[in-house]
N, C-alpha and C. Protein backbone atom coordinates (compact mmCIF):
# COMPACT_ATOMS: atom_id res chain seq x y z
N MET A 1 68.57 88.73 99.54
CA MET A 1 69.26 90.03 99.88
C MET A 1 70.68 89.92 99.21
N THR A 2 71.02 91.07 98.67
CA THR A 2 72.31 91.01 97.95
C THR A 2 73.33 92.03 98.65
N ALA A 3 74.51 91.99 98.31
CA ALA A 3 75.61 92.75 98.92
C ALA A 3 75.48 94.07 98.30
N ASP A 4 75.72 95.10 99.19
CA ASP A 4 75.85 96.54 98.77
C ASP A 4 77.18 96.73 98.01
N PRO A 5 77.11 96.97 96.70
CA PRO A 5 78.35 97.09 95.87
C PRO A 5 79.22 98.23 96.45
N GLY A 6 78.70 99.08 97.23
CA GLY A 6 79.49 100.25 97.76
C GLY A 6 80.43 99.95 98.90
N LEU A 7 80.04 98.82 99.70
CA LEU A 7 80.93 98.65 100.73
C LEU A 7 81.66 97.28 100.82
N CYS A 8 82.79 97.19 101.38
CA CYS A 8 83.60 96.04 101.51
C CYS A 8 84.23 95.91 102.91
N LYS A 9 84.30 94.58 103.36
CA LYS A 9 84.95 94.36 104.73
C LYS A 9 86.39 93.89 104.32
N VAL A 10 87.45 94.48 104.79
CA VAL A 10 88.81 94.08 104.57
C VAL A 10 89.31 93.53 105.91
N CYS A 11 89.98 92.36 105.82
CA CYS A 11 90.79 91.83 107.07
C CYS A 11 92.14 91.61 106.51
N VAL A 12 93.10 92.03 107.46
CA VAL A 12 94.52 91.84 107.19
C VAL A 12 95.20 91.29 108.43
N CYS A 13 96.04 90.22 108.28
CA CYS A 13 96.81 89.63 109.33
C CYS A 13 98.24 90.25 109.26
N ILE A 14 98.65 90.80 110.47
CA ILE A 14 99.94 91.67 110.47
C ILE A 14 100.72 91.31 111.84
N PRO A 15 101.91 91.46 111.87
CA PRO A 15 102.66 91.27 113.11
C PRO A 15 102.24 92.53 114.00
N PRO A 16 101.99 92.37 115.39
CA PRO A 16 101.55 93.45 116.19
C PRO A 16 102.36 94.71 116.00
N GLU A 17 103.57 94.59 115.88
CA GLU A 17 104.33 95.90 115.90
C GLU A 17 104.09 96.80 114.73
N PHE A 18 103.27 96.36 113.72
CA PHE A 18 102.93 97.03 112.60
C PHE A 18 101.60 97.59 112.62
N ALA A 19 100.83 97.20 113.59
CA ALA A 19 99.36 97.49 113.68
C ALA A 19 99.07 98.98 113.51
N ASP A 20 99.67 99.82 114.45
CA ASP A 20 99.34 101.25 114.34
C ASP A 20 99.74 101.95 112.99
N ALA A 21 100.84 101.52 112.39
CA ALA A 21 101.27 102.04 111.17
C ALA A 21 100.30 101.70 110.03
N LEU A 22 99.78 100.39 110.25
CA LEU A 22 98.76 100.02 109.14
C LEU A 22 97.52 100.76 109.26
N MET A 23 96.97 100.92 110.56
CA MET A 23 95.74 101.68 110.70
C MET A 23 95.74 102.98 110.32
N ASP A 24 97.00 103.78 110.68
CA ASP A 24 97.07 105.11 110.31
C ASP A 24 97.24 105.39 108.85
N ALA A 25 97.97 104.30 108.05
CA ALA A 25 98.00 104.53 106.68
C ALA A 25 96.67 104.23 105.91
N VAL A 26 96.01 103.28 106.38
CA VAL A 26 94.67 102.92 105.83
C VAL A 26 93.68 104.20 105.94
N ASN A 27 93.73 104.67 107.36
CA ASN A 27 92.80 105.83 107.62
C ASN A 27 93.12 106.97 106.82
N GLY A 28 94.35 107.22 106.41
CA GLY A 28 94.63 108.35 105.52
C GLY A 28 94.37 108.07 104.03
N ALA A 29 93.99 106.84 103.67
CA ALA A 29 93.78 106.50 102.34
C ALA A 29 92.33 106.38 101.99
N MET A 30 91.38 106.60 102.91
CA MET A 30 89.96 106.41 102.77
C MET A 30 89.02 107.26 103.43
N GLU A 31 87.90 107.62 102.94
CA GLU A 31 87.01 108.51 103.52
C GLU A 31 86.25 107.68 104.67
N PRO A 32 86.11 108.24 105.83
CA PRO A 32 85.39 107.52 106.84
C PRO A 32 84.09 106.96 106.55
N VAL A 33 83.75 105.74 106.90
CA VAL A 33 82.43 105.02 106.61
C VAL A 33 81.41 105.41 107.57
N TYR A 34 81.88 105.57 108.88
CA TYR A 34 80.87 105.79 109.88
C TYR A 34 80.81 107.24 110.27
N PRO A 35 79.68 107.91 110.15
CA PRO A 35 79.43 109.30 110.36
C PRO A 35 79.95 109.72 111.74
N GLY A 36 80.93 110.59 111.87
CA GLY A 36 81.42 111.11 113.06
C GLY A 36 82.58 110.35 113.70
N TYR A 37 83.05 109.37 112.92
CA TYR A 37 84.14 108.42 113.41
C TYR A 37 85.14 108.24 112.24
N ASP A 38 86.45 108.09 112.61
CA ASP A 38 87.46 107.68 111.72
C ASP A 38 88.28 106.59 112.43
N ARG A 39 89.28 105.92 111.71
CA ARG A 39 90.13 105.02 112.29
C ARG A 39 89.36 103.90 113.09
N ALA A 40 88.24 103.45 112.53
CA ALA A 40 87.33 102.50 113.03
C ALA A 40 87.85 100.99 112.58
N TYR A 41 88.42 100.21 113.48
CA TYR A 41 88.98 98.95 113.26
C TYR A 41 88.46 97.92 114.25
N SER A 42 88.47 96.59 113.84
CA SER A 42 88.39 95.59 114.75
C SER A 42 89.78 94.90 114.83
N ILE A 43 90.15 94.38 115.97
CA ILE A 43 91.43 93.67 116.16
C ILE A 43 91.21 92.42 116.94
N VAL A 44 91.79 91.34 116.43
CA VAL A 44 91.61 90.13 117.06
C VAL A 44 93.01 89.43 116.98
N ARG A 45 93.49 89.00 118.12
CA ARG A 45 94.78 88.24 118.27
C ARG A 45 94.62 86.88 117.63
N SER A 46 95.58 86.59 116.82
CA SER A 46 95.60 85.21 116.26
C SER A 46 97.07 84.62 116.10
N THR A 47 97.09 83.43 115.76
CA THR A 47 98.33 82.85 115.39
C THR A 47 98.39 82.47 113.95
N GLY A 48 99.47 82.97 113.23
CA GLY A 48 99.55 82.70 111.83
C GLY A 48 100.53 81.58 111.71
N THR A 49 100.31 80.68 110.64
CA THR A 49 101.28 79.73 110.42
C THR A 49 101.56 79.66 108.79
N TRP A 50 102.75 79.31 108.44
CA TRP A 50 103.23 79.35 106.99
C TRP A 50 104.52 78.55 106.97
N ARG A 51 104.79 78.19 105.70
CA ARG A 51 106.07 77.55 105.27
C ARG A 51 106.55 78.28 104.12
N PRO A 52 107.62 78.91 104.29
CA PRO A 52 108.27 79.61 103.05
C PRO A 52 108.66 78.59 102.05
N LEU A 53 108.43 78.70 100.82
CA LEU A 53 109.05 77.74 99.75
C LEU A 53 110.21 78.31 99.11
N GLU A 54 110.90 77.43 98.45
CA GLU A 54 112.21 77.94 97.73
C GLU A 54 111.86 78.91 96.69
N GLY A 55 112.70 80.05 96.77
CA GLY A 55 112.64 81.18 96.00
C GLY A 55 111.88 82.32 96.64
N SER A 56 111.28 82.04 97.90
CA SER A 56 110.58 83.15 98.62
C SER A 56 111.69 83.94 99.48
N ASP A 57 111.34 85.04 100.02
CA ASP A 57 112.12 85.88 100.75
C ASP A 57 111.36 86.27 102.06
N PRO A 58 111.15 85.41 102.97
CA PRO A 58 110.34 85.71 104.06
C PRO A 58 110.59 86.69 105.03
N TYR A 59 109.82 87.42 105.48
CA TYR A 59 110.03 88.58 106.57
C TYR A 59 110.38 87.78 107.85
N ASP A 60 109.67 86.62 108.15
CA ASP A 60 109.90 85.79 109.27
C ASP A 60 109.88 84.40 108.90
N GLY A 61 110.82 83.59 109.32
CA GLY A 61 110.79 82.12 109.09
C GLY A 61 112.01 81.82 108.28
N VAL A 62 112.13 80.39 107.98
CA VAL A 62 113.14 79.80 107.25
C VAL A 62 112.51 79.07 106.09
N VAL A 63 113.18 79.25 104.81
CA VAL A 63 112.62 78.41 103.83
C VAL A 63 112.61 76.92 104.17
N GLY A 64 111.40 76.31 103.77
CA GLY A 64 111.32 74.88 104.09
C GLY A 64 110.74 74.46 105.40
N ARG A 65 110.81 75.45 106.27
CA ARG A 65 110.44 75.12 107.78
C ARG A 65 108.95 75.77 108.02
N ILE A 66 108.18 74.94 108.80
CA ILE A 66 106.87 75.62 109.19
C ILE A 66 107.08 76.61 110.33
N SER A 67 106.58 77.77 110.20
CA SER A 67 106.60 78.90 111.17
C SER A 67 105.23 79.16 111.82
N THR A 68 105.30 79.60 112.97
CA THR A 68 104.09 80.20 113.54
C THR A 68 104.51 81.40 114.34
N ALA A 69 103.64 82.42 114.43
CA ALA A 69 103.82 83.67 115.03
C ALA A 69 102.52 84.32 115.56
N GLU A 70 102.62 85.19 116.62
CA GLU A 70 101.40 86.04 116.97
C GLU A 70 101.22 86.95 115.87
N GLU A 71 100.02 87.15 115.53
CA GLU A 71 99.52 88.22 114.48
C GLU A 71 98.35 89.00 115.05
N LEU A 72 97.95 89.99 114.47
CA LEU A 72 96.78 90.66 114.72
C LEU A 72 95.88 90.56 113.41
N ARG A 73 94.74 90.20 113.50
CA ARG A 73 93.79 90.27 112.39
C ARG A 73 92.90 91.65 112.56
N ILE A 74 93.30 92.49 111.60
CA ILE A 74 92.72 93.81 111.72
C ILE A 74 91.71 93.90 110.55
N GLY A 75 90.46 94.29 110.88
CA GLY A 75 89.35 94.40 110.02
C GLY A 75 88.79 95.86 110.03
N PHE A 76 88.22 96.14 108.77
CA PHE A 76 87.66 97.36 108.68
C PHE A 76 86.73 97.42 107.44
N VAL A 77 85.85 98.34 107.43
CA VAL A 77 84.91 98.72 106.25
C VAL A 77 85.34 99.80 105.54
N VAL A 78 85.33 99.61 104.22
CA VAL A 78 85.69 100.54 103.29
C VAL A 78 84.71 100.70 102.11
N ARG A 79 84.61 101.97 101.63
CA ARG A 79 83.77 102.18 100.42
C ARG A 79 84.44 101.60 99.30
N ARG A 80 83.91 101.05 98.26
CA ARG A 80 84.36 100.39 97.05
C ARG A 80 85.23 101.40 96.34
N ARG A 81 84.98 102.58 96.30
CA ARG A 81 85.77 103.62 95.63
C ARG A 81 87.12 103.87 96.30
N ASP A 82 87.16 103.54 97.52
CA ASP A 82 88.52 103.68 98.33
C ASP A 82 89.24 102.47 98.42
N LEU A 83 88.74 101.31 97.93
CA LEU A 83 89.21 99.99 98.14
C LEU A 83 90.68 99.89 97.81
N ALA A 84 90.97 100.30 96.46
CA ALA A 84 92.31 100.17 95.89
C ALA A 84 93.32 101.10 96.79
N GLY A 85 92.97 102.28 97.18
CA GLY A 85 93.73 103.04 98.03
C GLY A 85 94.14 102.48 99.25
N ALA A 86 93.04 101.80 99.89
CA ALA A 86 93.24 101.21 101.15
C ALA A 86 94.26 100.09 101.07
N ILE A 87 94.06 99.25 100.07
CA ILE A 87 94.97 98.02 99.86
C ILE A 87 96.31 98.52 99.63
N GLU A 88 96.51 99.56 98.79
CA GLU A 88 97.81 100.11 98.53
C GLU A 88 98.49 100.61 99.88
N ALA A 89 97.65 101.19 100.80
CA ALA A 89 98.19 101.65 102.04
C ALA A 89 98.62 100.43 102.92
N VAL A 90 97.89 99.42 102.88
CA VAL A 90 98.28 98.17 103.57
C VAL A 90 99.58 97.72 102.99
N LEU A 91 99.75 97.63 101.79
CA LEU A 91 100.95 97.00 101.17
C LEU A 91 102.20 97.90 101.39
N ALA A 92 101.96 99.24 101.51
CA ALA A 92 103.11 100.12 101.82
C ALA A 92 103.70 100.03 103.20
N VAL A 93 102.99 99.48 104.15
CA VAL A 93 103.39 99.22 105.56
C VAL A 93 103.72 97.79 105.95
N HIS A 94 103.04 96.74 105.16
CA HIS A 94 103.06 95.48 105.61
C HIS A 94 104.40 94.86 105.28
N PRO A 95 104.95 93.99 106.21
CA PRO A 95 106.21 93.55 106.11
C PRO A 95 106.41 92.32 105.35
N TYR A 96 105.16 91.55 105.29
CA TYR A 96 105.20 90.32 104.50
C TYR A 96 105.40 90.34 103.03
N GLU A 97 106.10 89.51 102.43
CA GLU A 97 106.18 89.36 101.01
C GLU A 97 104.78 89.19 100.27
N GLU A 98 103.96 88.25 100.93
CA GLU A 98 102.72 87.96 100.55
C GLU A 98 101.60 88.06 101.63
N PRO A 99 101.20 89.25 101.95
CA PRO A 99 100.28 89.51 103.09
C PRO A 99 98.89 88.78 102.80
N CYS A 100 98.30 88.39 103.90
CA CYS A 100 97.00 87.78 103.82
C CYS A 100 95.93 88.98 103.91
N ILE A 101 95.39 89.22 102.79
CA ILE A 101 94.31 90.22 102.79
C ILE A 101 93.04 89.60 102.24
N GLU A 102 92.04 89.71 102.90
CA GLU A 102 90.61 89.39 102.58
C GLU A 102 89.71 90.46 102.31
N VAL A 103 89.01 90.46 101.19
CA VAL A 103 88.13 91.44 100.88
C VAL A 103 86.73 90.74 100.61
N VAL A 104 85.74 91.28 101.28
CA VAL A 104 84.34 90.62 101.14
C VAL A 104 83.32 91.68 100.93
N PRO A 105 82.47 91.71 99.88
CA PRO A 105 81.43 92.62 99.79
C PRO A 105 80.46 92.56 100.92
N LEU A 106 79.89 93.61 101.32
CA LEU A 106 78.98 93.66 102.51
C LEU A 106 77.60 94.04 102.11
N ILE A 107 76.70 93.71 103.00
CA ILE A 107 75.31 94.12 102.97
C ILE A 107 75.31 95.32 104.03
N ASP A 108 74.82 96.46 103.52
CA ASP A 108 74.65 97.64 104.42
C ASP A 108 73.51 97.33 105.43
N TRP A 109 73.99 97.11 106.61
CA TRP A 109 72.90 96.74 107.74
C TRP A 109 71.90 97.92 107.79
N LYS A 110 72.27 99.16 107.56
CA LYS A 110 71.33 100.30 107.73
C LYS A 110 70.14 100.18 106.72
N GLY A 111 70.37 99.40 105.53
CA GLY A 111 69.35 99.21 104.65
C GLY A 111 68.48 98.08 105.07
N VAL A 112 68.78 97.36 106.05
CA VAL A 112 67.97 96.13 106.51
C VAL A 112 67.00 96.43 107.51
N VAL A 113 67.40 97.49 108.47
CA VAL A 113 66.56 97.92 109.59
C VAL A 113 65.64 99.03 109.12
N THR A 114 64.50 99.12 109.89
CA THR A 114 63.61 100.26 109.63
C THR A 114 63.74 101.39 110.60
N ARG A 115 64.27 101.11 111.68
CA ARG A 115 64.42 102.15 112.84
C ARG A 115 65.62 102.99 112.58
N PRO A 116 65.67 104.19 112.87
CA PRO A 116 66.91 104.92 112.81
C PRO A 116 68.01 104.65 113.85
N CYS A 117 69.29 104.89 113.60
CA CYS A 117 70.22 104.65 114.52
C CYS A 117 70.22 105.72 115.62
N ILE A 118 70.46 105.25 116.81
CA ILE A 118 70.45 106.28 117.95
C ILE A 118 71.72 107.17 117.88
C-alpha cells in the first residue's frame, strides 16, 4: 500500500496562547478535506524542550540553557496542493524562530475500506 500523494498530515508544536490564531490562519489557507467540515484539528498537550545556541534569538528561553514549556501539538490533514499555503499560514503566526513542523504523506483510509462512510 502506498501513500496518497494528494494528502499529508501536518503536526505543529506551538505555545497554547497561539493555538486559535494558528488554526484560524491555516483554515483560511486551505480547502477543507472532510466534506461538510472545516477547522478540523487534533490537539495534544505536550512538553517541549530545547536549548538555544549562540546566535539564536529565542522566543522563550536563554541562550545556552535548556528550556521546557507547555506546548500544544496541533495536527491536521491537508491536500498536497494546499500544503505550501498551510505552512506559510503556520509561519505567519508561529512565535518560534524555528518551529517544529512535521509533514507526513498519508494513505487515504477511504481507499482502503469497501463500505461507504455513514
